[in-house]
């Protein structure tokens, strides 16, 4: 059985290979393609709907201040 995580955008569970891990880096977020970066991470689907919803909730999911720069997430949209 594959490892599953919840998408912070749509709140549905999916296999980790279907999701992208996002981690907090300073005042912004970074995409962790190898899924090995240290620190708290959040998972999100690559769909435009999930990425848009994730931008609103990422500060809370990553336990960061509300002014977190989430621009890197929007570049993932397919």
C-alpha atoms as a PDB file:
ATOM      1  CA  UNK A   1       0.000   0.000   0.000  1.00  0.00           C
ATOM      2  CA  UNK A   2       1.502   3.381  -1.029  1.00  0.00           C
ATOM      3  CA  UNK A   3       2.135   6.124   1.500  1.00  0.00           C
ATOM      4  CA  UNK A   4      -0.682   8.683   1.471  1.00  0.00           C
ATOM      5  CA  UNK A   5      -0.847  12.339   2.469  1.00  0.00           C
ATOM      6  CA  UNK A   6      -3.597  14.952   2.487  1.00  0.00           C
ATOM      7  CA  UNK A   7      -3.618  17.798  -0.014  1.00  0.00           C
ATOM      8  CA  UNK A   8      -3.902  21.120   1.849  1.00  0.00           C
ATOM      9  CA  UNK A   9      -5.845  22.575  -1.082  1.00  0.00           C
ATOM     10  CA  UNK A  10      -8.702  20.099  -1.525  1.00  0.00           C
ATOM     11  CA  UNK A  11      -8.255  18.079   1.706  1.00  0.00           C
ATOM     12  CA  UNK A  12      -8.389  14.743  -0.193  1.00  0.00           C
ATOM     13  CA  UNK A  13      -5.927  11.951   0.526  1.00  0.00           C
ATOM     14  CA  UNK A  14      -3.729  10.656  -2.282  1.00  0.00           C
ATOM     15  CA  UNK A  15      -0.488   8.746  -2.793  1.00  0.00           C
ATOM     16  CA  UNK A  16       2.613  10.866  -2.199  1.00  0.00           C
ATOM     17  CA  UNK A  17       3.781  10.424  -5.792  1.00  0.00           C
ATOM     18  CA  UNK A  18       0.606  12.271  -6.910  1.00  0.00           C
ATOM     19  CA  UNK A  19       1.370  15.255  -4.649  1.00  0.00           C
ATOM     20  CA  UNK A  20       4.085  17.904  -4.431  1.00  0.00           C
ATOM     21  CA  UNK A  21       5.715  18.724  -1.091  1.00  0.00           C
ATOM     22  CA  UNK A  22       6.071  22.385  -0.147  1.00  0.00           C
ATOM     23  CA  UNK A  23       8.359  23.524   2.700  1.00  0.00           C
ATOM     24  CA  UNK A  24       8.900  26.838   4.441  1.00  0.00           C
ATOM     25  CA  UNK A  25      12.118  28.678   3.555  1.00  0.00           C
ATOM     26  CA  UNK A  26      12.624  31.979   5.351  1.00  0.00           C
ATOM     27  CA  UNK A  27       9.785  34.320   4.415  1.00  0.00           C
ATOM     28  CA  UNK A  28       8.525  32.132   1.590  1.00  0.00           C
ATOM     29  CA  UNK A  29       7.953  28.584   0.451  1.00  0.00           C
ATOM     30  CA  UNK A  30      10.042  26.240  -1.664  1.00  0.00           C
ATOM     31  CA  UNK A  31       9.058  23.208  -3.689  1.00  0.00           C
ATOM     32  CA  UNK A  32      10.670  20.024  -2.366  1.00  0.00           C
ATOM     33  CA  UNK A  33      10.759  17.701  -5.385  1.00  0.00           C
ATOM     34  CA  UNK A  34      12.911  15.116  -3.591  1.00  0.00           C
ATOM     35  CA  UNK A  35      10.596  15.088  -0.522  1.00  0.00           C
ATOM     36  CA  UNK A  36      13.659  15.116   1.754  1.00  0.00           C
ATOM     37  CA  UNK A  37      14.103  18.769   2.781  1.00  0.00           C
ATOM     38  CA  UNK A  38      14.178  19.343   6.529  1.00  0.00           C
ATOM     39  CA  UNK A  39      11.365  21.088   8.318  1.00  0.00           C
ATOM     40  CA  UNK A  40       7.602  21.088   8.266  1.00  0.00           C
ATOM     41  CA  UNK A  41       6.104  20.349   4.897  1.00  0.00           C
ATOM     42  CA  UNK A  42       2.688  20.367   3.296  1.00  0.00           C
ATOM     43  CA  UNK A  43       1.453  18.412   0.292  1.00  0.00           C
ATOM     44  CA  UNK A  44      -0.632  19.728  -2.599  1.00  0.00           C
ATOM     45  CA  UNK A  45      -1.934  18.434  -5.945  1.00  0.00           C
ATOM     46  CA  UNK A  46      -0.643  20.149  -9.090  1.00  0.00           C
ATOM     47  CA  UNK A  47      -4.152  21.167 -10.215  1.00  0.00           C
ATOM     48  CA  UNK A  48      -4.905  24.872 -10.473  1.00  0.00           C
ATOM     49  CA  UNK A  49      -7.819  24.589  -8.010  1.00  0.00           C
ATOM     50  CA  UNK A  50      -5.712  22.916  -5.317  1.00  0.00           C
ATOM     51  CA  UNK A  51      -2.803  25.320  -5.767  1.00  0.00           C
ATOM     52  CA  UNK A  52      -5.086  28.351  -5.523  1.00  0.00           C
ATOM     53  CA  UNK A  53      -6.742  27.029  -2.369  1.00  0.00           C
ATOM     54  CA  UNK A  54      -3.361  26.016  -0.914  1.00  0.00           C
ATOM     55  CA  UNK A  55      -1.987  29.553  -1.188  1.00  0.00           C
ATOM     56  CA  UNK A  56      -4.578  30.676   1.371  1.00  0.00           C
ATOM     57  CA  UNK A  57      -3.936  27.895   3.905  1.00  0.00           C
ATOM     58  CA  UNK A  58      -0.184  27.308   3.549  1.00  0.00           C
ATOM     59  CA  UNK A  59       0.815  29.762   6.294  1.00  0.00           C
ATOM     60  CA  UNK A  60      -1.268  27.808   8.790  1.00  0.00           C
ATOM     61  CA  UNK A  61      -0.219  24.389   7.465  1.00  0.00           C
ATOM     62  CA  UNK A  62       3.453  25.372   7.700  1.00  0.00           C
ATOM     63  CA  UNK A  63       2.976  27.180  11.028  1.00  0.00           C
ATOM     64  CA  UNK A  64       4.236  30.416   9.532  1.00  0.00           C
ATOM     65  CA  UNK A  65       3.181  34.071   9.849  1.00  0.00           C
ATOM     66  CA  UNK A  66       0.319  35.282   7.674  1.00  0.00           C
ATOM     67  CA  UNK A  67       2.672  37.272   5.407  1.00  0.00           C
ATOM     68  CA  UNK A  68       4.293  34.119   3.969  1.00  0.00           C
ATOM     69  CA  UNK A  69       5.235  34.524   0.285  1.00  0.00           C
ATOM     70  CA  UNK A  70       3.541  31.645  -1.565  1.00  0.00           C
ATOM     71  CA  UNK A  71       4.322  32.782  -5.117  1.00  0.00           C
ATOM     72  CA  UNK A  72       6.456  29.677  -5.798  1.00  0.00           C
ATOM     73  CA  UNK A  73       3.367  27.502  -5.478  1.00  0.00           C
ATOM     74  CA  UNK A  74       1.538  29.218  -8.346  1.00  0.00           C
ATOM     75  CA  UNK A  75       4.364  28.291 -10.760  1.00  0.00           C
ATOM     76  CA  UNK A  76       3.403  24.617 -10.384  1.00  0.00           C
ATOM     77  CA  UNK A  77       0.001  24.956 -12.065  1.00  0.00           C
ATOM     78  CA  UNK A  78      -0.425  22.642 -15.031  1.00  0.00           C
END
